[in-house]
């Protein structure tokens, strides 16, 4: 039995190996048995969390260069990051994760043969205990019928995944596809696009066998098709002004996010919504666009701008996140900011639709006047963009939550905040701080979900690093933390004591070239099984990069160890059981 006492927070963590049983006392609640329990002394209704063991999702070759890789085997030990996770509503044993995946990376081949990161698809049929790796068809070396027929064939990279299930258990992945090294007359135009790939739920079908030229079906699923939701053109448009202004011509579609209406009583049942940022190059505008499908992803509508327009609006937006209420209302959150002194300060706006995405109301502001993290903060090697997660209460169609990070304190450091609207987004309550540490270290990349009225929040956290009072130095230990609200005895706006999810703290500043990269977000998904809340989390993790190969030098150096550990960033996942 292993115990870790955190007297500063009056929280006790207990790790045991005996059969699971729960004990509730007048000083709190704790669990005896397999997993990690959290006890909050002095309360009669304490939150109770049982943790599983971190599971490595990526199948790699453990820092030995196999000399090859397939969509199902990372034989060259490359990076995976930017995770999205979903739980099947038909079979809760089925969990899926999508991520950026560089296992087929061949950027230095040049021209049309270039392969950047592609979309990794990971499926578990045993609640996250084991994982099957594959990829979305259409990568540059894909010669399978599915790959050759895909509308993303000819693209050299993919990024920014969202993964979701529909009410029938079918699986959807949305992402951005792009050309990274254009060759006039060879690589396609448009050269970037937002797409949605669909896999049919075929229970009992076995997982296939991937090759360097084909991506296998995961167990219980069969690839169906890929559809384009939005198209951009950036690289191949001639524009002599580029050399004077440094601005890319054309338009880049970026940061797509997807939501499905899975509530059978909703008037918009089965609709699929995808929102993203449209970087319009020399025009300077960055609106939020949205497209919807009413036929299971076969077709998507013409994208429409849903962020504010005209003099009342902000010139720029960053990120978009969607949720669908139980009554079919759509909520899209995004960060808005200006580039001129007269522009409004940074704020989180919400665009809403009450008619299944046909029309959107004028956006409302959920949070304003905060200081976002910079592109790359002092003391970090990787970027930390401010995206706002959003979740609708599945028990109250009028309750909506937004999570974001903002810098506070002296010295300024990023914390996690949540705001709530009790009336469908018309008004928003004061922000509530979620992280309970007393350090000046950063917390960032919040992810949020609601199951049976309980609010779940997770994030990356540097609180366990040395020099806790200095956010600009020794940010060497990154963990994933979790908190909840609306559990027994902890009604919103209160939150439970913070709970460390990751078993091992990682060094996040390992550089892959001249900079590090942890993706731009992580994600959790939650369901209620009638007794407890089951929470699945997925994140990018550097723990498998040996300390002797972690490149912390900001100068660009040799990459001779790239296939034997230097870039072995992997996807990890965990499963929590949270008492109601």
Protein backbone atom coordinates (compact mmCIF):
# COMPACT_ATOMS: atom_id res chain seq x y z
CA UNK A 1 0.00 0.00 0.00
CA UNK A 2 1.33 3.42 -0.97
CA UNK A 3 0.16 6.66 0.57
CA UNK A 4 0.95 10.20 -0.46
CA UNK A 5 -0.02 12.85 2.05
CA UNK A 6 -0.59 16.42 0.88
CA UNK A 7 -1.12 18.22 4.17
CA UNK A 8 -1.08 21.63 2.48
CA UNK A 9 -4.35 20.83 0.71
CA UNK A 10 -5.70 18.51 3.44
CA UNK A 11 -6.12 15.85 0.84
CA UNK A 12 -4.98 12.26 1.22
CA UNK A 13 -4.29 9.99 -1.74
CA UNK A 14 -4.41 6.25 -1.05
CA UNK A 15 -3.17 3.57 -3.47
CA UNK A 16 -4.17 0.00 -2.68
CA UNK A 17 -4.31 -3.40 -4.38
CA UNK A 18 -7.09 -5.13 -2.46
CA UNK A 19 -10.59 -5.73 -3.91
CA UNK A 20 -12.53 -2.50 -4.30
CA UNK A 21 -14.90 -1.33 -1.62
CA UNK A 22 -16.05 2.10 -0.52
CA UNK A 23 -16.14 3.51 2.99
CA UNK A 24 -17.92 6.73 4.01
CA UNK A 25 -17.27 8.31 7.42
CA UNK A 26 -17.96 11.54 9.28
CA UNK A 27 -14.49 12.84 8.35
CA UNK A 28 -14.86 12.14 4.66
CA UNK A 29 -15.04 9.38 2.12
CA UNK A 30 -12.39 7.05 0.84
CA UNK A 31 -12.03 3.90 -1.20
CA UNK A 32 -10.22 0.77 -0.17
CA UNK A 33 -9.14 -1.29 -3.13
CA UNK A 34 -7.74 -1.06 -6.60
CA UNK A 35 -7.05 2.47 -7.77
CA UNK A 36 -6.42 5.86 -6.28
CA UNK A 37 -8.94 7.46 -3.94
CA UNK A 38 -9.25 11.03 -2.80
CA UNK A 39 -10.41 11.88 0.71
CA UNK A 40 -11.48 15.35 1.75
CA UNK A 41 -11.37 15.45 5.59
CA UNK A 42 -13.95 17.33 7.57
CA UNK A 43 -16.91 16.85 5.24
CA UNK A 44 -19.68 14.31 5.41
CA UNK A 45 -20.22 14.40 1.65
CA UNK A 46 -16.78 14.16 0.05
CA UNK A 47 -15.96 13.60 -3.58
CA UNK A 48 -14.69 10.14 -4.33
CA UNK A 49 -12.45 9.30 -7.30
CA UNK A 50 -10.97 5.95 -8.20
CA UNK A 51 -8.15 6.11 -10.72
CA UNK A 52 -6.92 3.48 -13.12
CA UNK A 53 -3.36 3.14 -14.33
CA UNK A 54 -2.07 5.37 -17.11
CA UNK A 55 -2.21 3.38 -20.35
CA UNK A 56 0.12 3.98 -23.26
CA UNK A 57 -2.14 4.28 -26.32
CA UNK A 58 0.62 4.46 -28.93
CA UNK A 59 2.07 1.16 -30.16
CA UNK A 60 5.71 2.03 -30.79
CA UNK A 61 9.05 0.19 -30.75
CA UNK A 62 10.24 1.45 -27.36
CA UNK A 63 13.04 3.68 -28.67
CA UNK A 64 14.51 1.04 -30.98
CA UNK A 65 14.41 2.09 -34.65
CA UNK A 66 12.56 -0.60 -36.60
CA UNK A 67 13.39 1.17 -39.85
CA UNK A 68 9.75 1.35 -40.91
CA UNK A 69 6.32 2.30 -39.64
CA UNK A 70 2.71 1.53 -40.54
CA UNK A 71 -0.54 3.19 -39.46
CA UNK A 72 -0.75 0.51 -36.73
CA UNK A 73 2.91 0.48 -35.62
CA UNK A 74 5.09 3.46 -34.74
CA UNK A 75 8.31 1.64 -35.54
CA UNK A 76 10.30 4.87 -35.66
CA UNK A 77 9.15 6.24 -32.27
CA UNK A 78 7.73 9.57 -33.43
CA UNK A 79 5.41 12.17 -31.90
CA UNK A 80 1.69 11.98 -31.22
CA UNK A 81 -0.21 14.89 -29.69
CA UNK A 82 -3.40 17.00 -29.68
CA UNK A 83 -5.83 14.40 -28.39
CA UNK A 84 -9.60 14.09 -28.68
CA UNK A 85 -11.56 11.30 -26.95
CA UNK A 86 -15.12 9.95 -27.09
CA UNK A 87 -17.17 7.14 -25.51
CA UNK A 88 -19.66 5.10 -27.52
CA UNK A 89 -23.28 5.63 -26.38
CA UNK A 90 -24.15 2.15 -27.69
CA UNK A 91 -21.33 0.14 -26.10
CA UNK A 92 -19.53 1.88 -23.21
CA UNK A 93 -16.62 -0.54 -23.55
CA UNK A 94 -15.76 1.22 -26.82
CA UNK A 95 -13.61 4.33 -26.44
CA UNK A 96 -11.89 6.16 -29.28
CA UNK A 97 -9.03 8.67 -29.42
CA UNK A 98 -7.86 10.74 -32.38
CA UNK A 99 -4.54 12.58 -32.43
CA UNK A 100 -1.91 14.17 -34.60
CA UNK A 101 0.47 11.35 -35.50
CA UNK A 102 3.93 11.67 -37.07
CA UNK A 103 4.78 7.97 -37.35
CA UNK A 104 4.76 8.19 -41.18
CA UNK A 105 6.68 11.48 -41.18
CA UNK A 106 8.74 11.91 -44.35
CA UNK A 107 8.94 15.67 -44.59
CA UNK A 108 12.44 15.63 -46.04
CA UNK A 109 11.37 13.61 -49.06
CA UNK A 110 10.35 16.97 -50.52
CA UNK A 111 7.64 17.95 -52.96
CA UNK A 112 4.69 15.72 -53.65
CA UNK A 113 6.23 12.82 -51.69
CA UNK A 114 6.20 14.78 -48.45
CA UNK A 115 4.36 13.29 -45.49
CA UNK A 116 3.80 15.44 -42.45
CA UNK A 117 1.65 14.40 -39.49
CA UNK A 118 -1.49 12.39 -40.32
CA UNK A 119 -4.62 11.65 -38.34
CA UNK A 120 -4.13 8.80 -35.89
CA UNK A 121 -7.22 6.79 -34.90
CA UNK A 122 -7.04 4.66 -31.76
CA UNK A 123 -9.88 2.39 -30.64
CA UNK A 124 -10.32 0.40 -27.44
CA UNK A 125 -13.05 -2.22 -27.00
CA UNK A 126 -12.26 -2.88 -23.33
CA UNK A 127 -12.80 0.56 -21.74
CA UNK A 128 -9.27 1.74 -22.41
CA UNK A 129 -7.26 -1.23 -21.14
CA UNK A 130 -5.80 -1.95 -24.60
CA UNK A 131 -5.71 0.03 -27.84
CA UNK A 132 -5.68 -0.58 -31.59
CA UNK A 133 -3.80 2.00 -33.69
CA UNK A 134 -4.62 2.95 -37.27
CA UNK A 135 -4.98 6.06 -39.44
CA UNK A 136 -7.51 7.82 -41.64
CA UNK A 137 -7.14 6.57 -45.26
CA UNK A 138 -5.61 8.83 -47.91
CA UNK A 139 -2.09 9.49 -46.61
CA UNK A 140 0.52 10.09 -49.36
CA UNK A 141 1.75 6.47 -49.54
CA UNK A 142 -1.76 4.98 -49.31
CA UNK A 143 -2.47 2.83 -52.37
CA UNK A 144 -5.55 1.07 -50.98
CA UNK A 145 -8.91 1.56 -52.73
CA UNK A 146 -10.17 3.57 -49.73
CA UNK A 147 -7.10 5.78 -49.79
CA UNK A 148 -7.11 6.39 -53.52
CA UNK A 149 -10.81 7.24 -53.43
CA UNK A 150 -10.53 9.65 -50.52
CA UNK A 151 -11.03 13.39 -51.22
CA UNK A 152 -8.00 14.10 -49.00
CA UNK A 153 -5.70 12.10 -51.29
CA UNK A 154 -2.96 14.46 -52.43
CA UNK A 155 -2.82 16.25 -49.07
CA UNK A 156 0.47 15.86 -47.24
CA UNK A 157 -0.63 16.34 -43.65
CA UNK A 158 -3.54 16.44 -41.23
CA UNK A 159 -4.02 18.01 -37.80
CA UNK A 160 -6.52 19.34 -35.23
CA UNK A 161 -8.71 16.28 -34.61
CA UNK A 162 -12.11 15.90 -33.01
CA UNK A 163 -13.64 12.44 -32.58
CA UNK A 164 -17.30 11.71 -31.83
CA UNK A 165 -19.92 8.93 -31.94
CA UNK A 166 -23.46 9.24 -33.22
CA UNK A 167 -26.46 7.71 -31.45
CA UNK A 168 -26.06 4.49 -33.44
CA UNK A 169 -22.44 4.02 -32.40
CA UNK A 170 -20.93 5.08 -35.74
CA UNK A 171 -17.63 6.93 -35.41
CA UNK A 172 -16.68 10.30 -36.93
CA UNK A 173 -13.33 12.11 -37.07
CA UNK A 174 -12.99 15.73 -38.16
CA UNK A 175 -9.67 17.40 -38.89
CA UNK A 176 -7.73 19.75 -41.15
CA UNK A 177 -5.89 18.38 -44.22
CA UNK A 178 -3.22 20.43 -45.96
CA UNK A 179 -0.30 20.58 -48.39
CA UNK A 180 2.92 21.48 -46.60
CA UNK A 181 5.33 21.53 -49.59
CA UNK A 182 3.39 22.64 -52.68
CA UNK A 183 4.51 21.66 -56.16
CA UNK A 184 2.77 23.76 -58.84
CA UNK A 185 0.85 21.56 -61.23
CA UNK A 186 1.31 18.50 -59.00
CA UNK A 187 -0.08 19.09 -55.53
CA UNK A 188 -3.81 19.89 -55.48
CA UNK A 189 -5.65 23.17 -55.16
CA UNK A 190 -7.48 23.81 -52.85
CA UNK A 191 -4.49 22.91 -50.73
CA UNK A 192 -6.18 22.86 -47.32
CA UNK A 193 -9.58 21.61 -46.22
CA UNK A 194 -11.72 20.61 -43.27
CA UNK A 195 -12.96 17.03 -43.57
CA UNK A 196 -15.04 14.46 -41.71
CA UNK A 197 -14.28 10.73 -41.95
CA UNK A 198 -16.96 8.17 -41.00
CA UNK A 199 -16.60 4.61 -39.69
CA UNK A 200 -19.62 2.36 -39.46
CA UNK A 201 -20.17 0.48 -36.21
CA UNK A 202 -19.85 -3.21 -37.17
CA UNK A 203 -19.70 -5.05 -33.83
CA UNK A 204 -17.72 -8.27 -33.98
CA UNK A 205 -15.62 -7.28 -36.98
CA UNK A 206 -11.92 -7.88 -36.25
CA UNK A 207 -9.19 -5.30 -36.46
CA UNK A 208 -7.35 -5.46 -39.77
CA UNK A 209 -3.69 -5.46 -40.71
CA UNK A 210 -2.06 -2.18 -41.73
CA UNK A 211 0.82 -1.95 -44.17
CA UNK A 212 3.04 1.01 -45.09
CA UNK A 213 0.56 1.57 -47.95
CA UNK A 214 -2.80 0.95 -46.25
CA UNK A 215 -4.63 1.67 -43.01
CA UNK A 216 -6.55 -1.16 -41.33
CA UNK A 217 -10.05 -0.96 -39.93
CA UNK A 218 -10.12 -0.93 -36.13
CA UNK A 219 -12.04 -3.72 -34.35
CA UNK A 220 -15.84 -3.27 -34.44
CA UNK A 221 -15.63 -0.56 -37.13
CA UNK A 222 -15.49 -0.37 -40.92
CA UNK A 223 -14.34 2.72 -42.81
CA UNK A 224 -17.22 4.20 -44.81
CA UNK A 225 -16.22 7.51 -46.45
CA UNK A 226 -14.63 10.95 -46.07
CA UNK A 227 -16.45 14.20 -46.89
CA UNK A 228 -15.13 17.75 -47.24
CA UNK A 229 -16.87 20.30 -45.01
CA UNK A 230 -14.86 23.37 -46.03
CA UNK A 231 -12.11 24.25 -48.50
CA UNK A 232 -9.36 26.84 -48.44
CA UNK A 233 -6.50 27.79 -50.76
CA UNK A 234 -3.36 29.34 -49.40
CA UNK A 235 -0.04 28.32 -50.83
CA UNK A 236 -0.61 28.08 -54.56
CA UNK A 237 -2.26 31.45 -55.19
CA UNK A 238 0.21 33.85 -56.86
CA UNK A 239 0.70 37.01 -54.82
CA UNK A 240 3.83 39.16 -55.28
CA UNK A 241 2.80 41.17 -52.21
CA UNK A 242 3.66 38.17 -50.04
CA UNK A 243 7.33 39.01 -50.32
CA UNK A 244 6.66 42.55 -49.04
CA UNK A 245 4.05 41.86 -46.38
CA UNK A 246 4.91 38.37 -45.18
CA UNK A 247 1.19 37.51 -45.21
CA UNK A 248 0.02 34.35 -46.87
CA UNK A 249 -2.44 34.86 -49.72
CA UNK A 250 -5.70 32.96 -49.98
CA UNK A 251 -7.37 31.33 -47.00
CA UNK A 252 -6.31 28.71 -44.48
CA UNK A 253 -9.00 26.69 -42.71
CA UNK A 254 -7.76 25.96 -39.19
CA UNK A 255 -8.75 24.50 -35.83
CA UNK A 256 -11.93 22.60 -36.73
CA UNK A 257 -14.14 21.25 -33.95
CA UNK A 258 -17.11 18.92 -34.29
CA UNK A 259 -20.28 18.11 -32.33
CA UNK A 260 -23.12 15.69 -33.00
CA UNK A 261 -26.73 15.87 -31.84
CA UNK A 262 -27.30 12.47 -30.22
CA UNK A 263 -30.49 13.25 -28.28
CA UNK A 264 -33.44 11.40 -29.87
CA UNK A 265 -35.91 13.98 -28.54
CA UNK A 266 -34.05 16.90 -30.17
CA UNK A 267 -35.54 18.44 -33.32
CA UNK A 268 -31.99 18.34 -34.74
CA UNK A 269 -31.32 14.68 -33.90
CA UNK A 270 -28.46 13.19 -35.95
CA UNK A 271 -27.17 16.56 -37.21
CA UNK A 272 -23.40 17.01 -37.41
CA UNK A 273 -21.81 20.43 -36.90
CA UNK A 274 -18.22 21.48 -37.66
CA UNK A 275 -16.82 24.93 -36.85
CA UNK A 276 -13.37 26.34 -37.59
CA UNK A 277 -11.31 29.52 -38.06
CA UNK A 278 -10.89 30.87 -41.58
CA UNK A 279 -7.60 32.75 -41.88
CA UNK A 280 -8.18 34.99 -44.89
CA UNK A 281 -4.56 35.88 -45.53
CA UNK A 282 -3.92 39.39 -46.84
CA UNK A 283 -7.44 40.50 -45.92
CA UNK A 284 -6.44 40.04 -42.27
CA UNK A 285 -9.79 38.73 -41.01
CA UNK A 286 -10.12 35.50 -39.02
CA UNK A 287 -13.83 34.66 -38.71
CA UNK A 288 -15.40 31.53 -37.21
CA UNK A 289 -17.18 29.46 -39.85
CA UNK A 290 -19.66 26.60 -39.44
CA UNK A 291 -20.98 23.86 -41.71
CA UNK A 292 -23.61 21.25 -40.90
CA UNK A 293 -24.69 17.86 -42.20
CA UNK A 294 -28.22 16.51 -41.97
CA UNK A 295 -27.53 13.20 -43.74
CA UNK A 296 -24.97 11.46 -41.57
CA UNK A 297 -21.96 13.23 -43.04
CA UNK A 298 -22.61 12.43 -46.69
CA UNK A 299 -22.86 16.14 -47.52
CA UNK A 300 -22.18 19.40 -45.66
CA UNK A 301 -23.73 22.81 -46.10
CA UNK A 302 -21.93 25.84 -47.47
CA UNK A 303 -19.91 27.28 -44.55
CA UNK A 304 -21.35 30.43 -42.95
CA UNK A 305 -19.70 32.99 -40.71
CA UNK A 306 -21.07 32.82 -37.17
CA UNK A 307 -18.68 35.16 -35.36
CA UNK A 308 -19.51 38.84 -35.07
CA UNK A 309 -19.33 40.96 -38.21
CA UNK A 310 -18.83 44.62 -39.03
CA UNK A 311 -17.69 47.39 -36.68
CA UNK A 312 -19.26 45.65 -33.69
CA UNK A 313 -17.11 42.58 -34.17
CA UNK A 314 -13.56 41.61 -33.43
CA UNK A 315 -11.14 41.32 -36.31
CA UNK A 316 -9.60 38.08 -35.08
CA UNK A 317 -10.72 34.86 -33.47
CA UNK A 318 -8.82 31.86 -32.15
CA UNK A 319 -10.12 28.35 -31.74
CA UNK A 320 -13.69 27.17 -31.72
CA UNK A 321 -15.44 24.60 -29.57
CA UNK A 322 -18.97 23.24 -29.91
CA UNK A 323 -21.59 21.66 -27.74
CA UNK A 324 -25.21 20.70 -28.40
CA UNK A 325 -27.83 21.00 -25.67
CA UNK A 326 -30.38 18.31 -24.94
CA UNK A 327 -33.00 20.43 -26.72
CA UNK A 328 -30.89 20.81 -29.88
CA UNK A 329 -29.54 24.30 -29.22
CA UNK A 330 -26.02 24.80 -30.54
CA UNK A 331 -23.33 26.72 -28.67
CA UNK A 332 -19.95 27.66 -30.21
CA UNK A 333 -17.26 29.21 -28.02
CA UNK A 334 -14.20 31.04 -29.31
CA UNK A 335 -11.63 33.57 -28.21
CA UNK A 336 -12.01 37.01 -29.83
CA UNK A 337 -9.38 39.73 -29.85
CA UNK A 338 -8.41 42.80 -31.84
CA UNK A 339 -5.18 44.02 -33.35
CA UNK A 340 -5.78 47.76 -32.86
CA UNK A 341 -5.79 49.81 -29.63
CA UNK A 342 -9.45 50.67 -30.18
CA UNK A 343 -10.49 47.02 -30.44
CA UNK A 344 -12.20 45.32 -27.48
CA UNK A 345 -9.90 43.44 -25.06
CA UNK A 346 -9.56 39.68 -25.22
CA UNK A 347 -12.84 37.92 -24.48
CA UNK A 348 -14.63 34.61 -24.90
CA UNK A 349 -17.67 34.86 -27.16
CA UNK A 350 -20.51 32.41 -27.67
CA UNK A 351 -22.45 32.02 -30.92
CA UNK A 352 -25.85 30.31 -30.58
CA UNK A 353 -28.41 28.70 -32.85
CA UNK A 354 -31.94 27.67 -31.89
CA UNK A 355 -32.93 26.21 -35.30
CA UNK A 356 -30.48 23.37 -35.90
CA UNK A 357 -27.73 25.61 -37.26
CA UNK A 358 -29.76 27.35 -39.96
CA UNK A 359 -29.26 30.76 -38.31
CA UNK A 360 -27.02 32.07 -35.55
CA UNK A 361 -27.78 34.92 -33.17
CA UNK A 362 -25.43 37.80 -32.46
CA UNK A 363 -22.65 36.38 -30.27
CA UNK A 364 -22.67 37.09 -26.55
CA UNK A 365 -19.63 37.48 -24.31
CA UNK A 366 -19.11 34.85 -21.63
CA UNK A 367 -15.83 36.17 -20.18
CA UNK A 368 -13.92 39.40 -20.82
CA UNK A 369 -10.99 41.51 -19.74
CA UNK A 370 -8.58 38.67 -18.92
CA UNK A 371 -4.92 38.23 -19.87
CA UNK A 372 -4.29 35.20 -22.10
CA UNK A 373 -1.07 33.23 -22.15
CA UNK A 374 1.39 34.45 -24.76
CA UNK A 375 2.26 32.36 -27.80
CA UNK A 376 5.26 30.92 -25.97
CA UNK A 377 5.62 31.90 -22.32
CA UNK A 378 9.02 32.56 -20.78
CA UNK A 379 10.31 29.29 -19.36
CA UNK A 380 8.41 27.12 -21.83
CA UNK A 381 9.56 25.73 -25.18
CA UNK A 382 6.04 25.12 -26.55
CA UNK A 383 3.06 27.30 -27.42
CA UNK A 384 -0.04 27.55 -25.24
CA UNK A 385 -2.92 29.11 -27.21
CA UNK A 386 -6.04 30.10 -25.29
CA UNK A 387 -8.98 28.00 -26.42
CA UNK A 388 -12.28 27.89 -24.56
CA UNK A 389 -13.99 24.56 -23.92
CA UNK A 390 -17.79 24.48 -23.70
CA UNK A 391 -20.31 21.93 -22.40
CA UNK A 392 -24.09 21.94 -22.07
CA UNK A 393 -25.71 20.36 -19.01
CA UNK A 394 -27.39 17.13 -20.07
CA UNK A 395 -30.00 17.49 -17.30
CA UNK A 396 -30.82 21.18 -17.78
CA UNK A 397 -30.98 22.58 -21.33
CA UNK A 398 -30.52 26.13 -20.03
CA UNK A 399 -27.24 25.48 -18.18
CA UNK A 400 -24.03 25.94 -20.17
CA UNK A 401 -20.42 25.95 -18.93
CA UNK A 402 -17.26 27.42 -20.46
CA UNK A 403 -13.70 26.70 -19.30
CA UNK A 404 -10.66 28.79 -20.23
CA UNK A 405 -7.24 29.76 -18.92
CA UNK A 406 -6.20 33.26 -17.88
CA UNK A 407 -3.15 34.83 -16.25
CA UNK A 408 -3.59 36.19 -12.75
CA UNK A 409 -1.49 36.96 -9.68
CA UNK A 410 1.99 38.37 -9.16
CA UNK A 411 4.02 37.00 -10.79
CA UNK A 412 1.38 36.44 -13.44
CA UNK A 413 0.61 32.79 -14.12
CA UNK A 414 -2.20 30.97 -15.90
CA UNK A 415 -5.10 29.48 -13.94
CA UNK A 416 -8.19 27.54 -15.01
CA UNK A 417 -11.56 29.30 -14.83
CA UNK A 418 -15.14 28.25 -15.46
CA UNK A 419 -18.14 30.47 -16.14
CA UNK A 420 -21.77 29.33 -16.21
CA UNK A 421 -24.89 30.57 -17.92
CA UNK A 422 -28.16 29.54 -16.23
CA UNK A 423 -30.35 30.79 -19.09
CA UNK A 424 -29.05 29.34 -22.34
CA UNK A 425 -26.24 31.85 -22.78
CA UNK A 426 -28.21 35.07 -22.31
CA UNK A 427 -26.25 35.99 -19.17
CA UNK A 428 -23.06 34.66 -17.62
CA UNK A 429 -22.07 34.43 -13.97
CA UNK A 430 -18.73 35.46 -12.48
CA UNK A 431 -15.69 33.27 -13.28
CA UNK A 432 -14.77 30.56 -10.78
CA UNK A 433 -11.16 29.42 -10.35
CA UNK A 434 -10.84 25.63 -10.56
CA UNK A 435 -7.19 24.86 -9.69
CA UNK A 436 -6.49 24.92 -5.94
CA UNK A 437 -2.67 25.06 -5.87
CA UNK A 438 -0.77 27.78 -4.02
CA UNK A 439 2.05 27.97 -6.58
CA UNK A 440 2.76 30.50 -9.32
CA UNK A 441 3.09 27.80 -11.95
CA UNK A 442 0.90 27.64 -15.06
CA UNK A 443 -2.25 25.59 -15.57
CA UNK A 444 -3.44 25.40 -19.18
CA UNK A 445 -5.43 23.54 -21.88
CA UNK A 446 -8.68 23.01 -19.93
CA UNK A 447 -11.14 20.40 -21.16
CA UNK A 448 -14.72 20.15 -19.94
CA UNK A 449 -17.70 17.78 -20.06
CA UNK A 450 -20.98 17.14 -18.22
CA UNK A 451 -22.53 13.77 -17.36
CA UNK A 452 -25.87 13.53 -15.52
CA UNK A 453 -25.44 17.10 -14.31
CA UNK A 454 -21.91 16.67 -12.93
CA UNK A 455 -19.27 18.99 -14.37
CA UNK A 456 -15.85 17.49 -15.13
CA UNK A 457 -12.74 19.60 -15.81
CA UNK A 458 -9.17 18.50 -16.56
CA UNK A 459 -6.05 20.37 -17.62
CA UNK A 460 -2.24 20.33 -17.91
CA UNK A 461 -0.57 21.52 -14.69
CA UNK A 462 3.00 22.57 -13.79
CA UNK A 463 2.43 22.88 -10.01
CA UNK A 464 4.73 19.92 -9.24
CA UNK A 465 7.76 21.60 -10.83
CA UNK A 466 10.66 23.04 -8.79
CA UNK A 467 10.71 26.74 -7.81
CA UNK A 468 6.93 26.94 -7.28
CA UNK A 469 6.96 30.74 -6.97
CA UNK A 470 8.54 31.36 -10.38
CA UNK A 471 6.50 30.63 -13.52
CA UNK A 472 9.44 31.53 -15.80
CA UNK A 473 11.93 28.86 -14.64
CA UNK A 474 12.24 25.11 -14.09
CA UNK A 475 8.91 24.10 -15.58
CA UNK A 476 10.16 20.54 -15.66
CA UNK A 477 7.24 18.50 -14.30
CA UNK A 478 3.93 18.50 -16.15
CA UNK A 479 0.94 16.48 -14.94
CA UNK A 480 -2.74 16.17 -15.80
CA UNK A 481 -5.14 17.26 -13.04
CA UNK A 482 -8.90 16.87 -12.64
CA UNK A 483 -11.72 18.43 -10.58
CA UNK A 484 -15.50 18.13 -10.55
CA UNK A 485 -18.54 20.10 -9.46
CA UNK A 486 -22.16 19.21 -8.70
CA UNK A 487 -21.20 15.95 -7.04
CA UNK A 488 -22.76 15.18 -3.66
CA UNK A 489 -22.12 18.05 -1.26
CA UNK A 490 -20.20 20.13 -3.83
CA UNK A 491 -22.74 22.20 -5.78
CA UNK A 492 -21.50 24.64 -8.40
CA UNK A 493 -19.72 27.09 -8.04
CA UNK A 494 -17.72 24.91 -5.62
CA UNK A 495 -15.21 22.42 -7.02
CA UNK A 496 -13.71 19.29 -5.55
CA UNK A 497 -10.09 19.19 -4.41
CA UNK A 498 -7.84 18.83 -7.43
CA UNK A 499 -6.86 15.28 -8.30
CA UNK A 500 -3.64 14.30 -10.08
CA UNK A 501 -4.51 11.96 -12.94
CA UNK A 502 -1.15 11.17 -14.52
CA UNK A 503 0.96 8.61 -12.68
CA UNK A 504 4.23 10.10 -13.93
CA UNK A 505 5.17 13.75 -14.32
CA UNK A 506 6.69 14.50 -17.73
CA UNK A 507 9.29 16.98 -19.01
CA UNK A 508 7.22 19.10 -21.44
CA UNK A 509 10.07 21.23 -22.80
CA UNK A 510 11.82 18.57 -24.91
CA UNK A 511 12.39 20.20 -28.29
CA UNK A 512 11.58 18.57 -31.60
CA UNK A 513 13.90 20.75 -33.65
CA UNK A 514 13.94 24.36 -32.41
CA UNK A 515 10.80 24.18 -30.24
CA UNK A 516 8.69 21.82 -28.23
CA UNK A 517 5.08 20.98 -28.96
CA UNK A 518 2.40 19.57 -26.67
CA UNK A 519 -0.41 20.07 -29.16
CA UNK A 520 -2.95 22.83 -28.57
CA UNK A 521 -5.40 20.90 -26.38
CA UNK A 522 -6.22 17.71 -24.50
CA UNK A 523 -9.67 16.23 -23.90
CA UNK A 524 -11.84 14.21 -21.53
CA UNK A 525 -15.15 12.44 -22.10
CA UNK A 526 -17.63 11.37 -19.43
CA UNK A 527 -20.70 9.18 -19.03
CA UNK A 528 -22.96 8.18 -16.12
CA UNK A 529 -23.51 4.45 -15.70
CA UNK A 530 -26.40 4.80 -13.24
CA UNK A 531 -24.11 4.48 -10.23
CA UNK A 532 -20.91 6.42 -10.96
CA UNK A 533 -19.46 8.78 -13.52
CA UNK A 534 -16.89 7.19 -15.83
CA UNK A 535 -14.34 9.71 -17.11
CA UNK A 536 -11.82 8.94 -19.87
CA UNK A 537 -8.90 11.33 -20.43
CA UNK A 538 -6.26 11.40 -23.17
CA UNK A 539 -3.18 13.59 -23.48
CA UNK A 540 0.27 13.90 -25.11
CA UNK A 541 3.11 12.69 -22.91
CA UNK A 542 6.93 12.90 -23.12
CA UNK A 543 7.65 10.32 -20.40
CA UNK A 544 9.10 7.85 -22.94
CA UNK A 545 11.78 10.31 -24.10
CA UNK A 546 14.95 9.33 -22.17
CA UNK A 547 16.37 12.21 -20.14
CA UNK A 548 19.67 11.85 -22.02
CA UNK A 549 17.86 12.39 -25.33
CA UNK A 550 15.49 15.19 -24.32
CA UNK A 551 16.73 18.22 -26.25
CA UNK A 552 16.43 21.30 -24.03
CA UNK A 553 18.82 23.45 -26.09
CA UNK A 554 16.95 26.27 -27.88
CA UNK A 555 19.51 26.18 -30.70
CA UNK A 556 18.72 23.92 -33.61
CA UNK A 557 20.87 20.83 -33.35
CA UNK A 558 21.43 17.44 -34.98
CA UNK A 559 18.54 15.00 -35.03
CA UNK A 560 20.52 11.77 -35.23
CA UNK A 561 18.58 10.32 -32.30
CA UNK A 562 15.14 11.20 -33.68
CA UNK A 563 14.14 7.55 -34.20
CA UNK A 564 15.61 6.16 -30.97
CA UNK A 565 13.90 8.26 -28.35
CA UNK A 566 14.51 11.95 -29.01
CA UNK A 567 10.97 12.48 -30.35
CA UNK A 568 9.11 9.62 -28.69
CA UNK A 569 6.13 11.65 -27.50
CA UNK A 570 3.12 9.35 -27.08
CA UNK A 571 -0.59 9.43 -26.31
CA UNK A 572 -1.52 8.27 -22.81
CA UNK A 573 -4.98 7.70 -21.39
CA UNK A 574 -6.59 7.04 -18.04
CA UNK A 575 -10.03 6.12 -16.69
CA UNK A 576 -11.55 7.61 -13.55
CA UNK A 577 -14.58 6.43 -11.59
CA UNK A 578 -16.20 9.42 -9.88
CA UNK A 579 -18.92 8.98 -7.26
CA UNK A 580 -22.08 11.06 -7.87
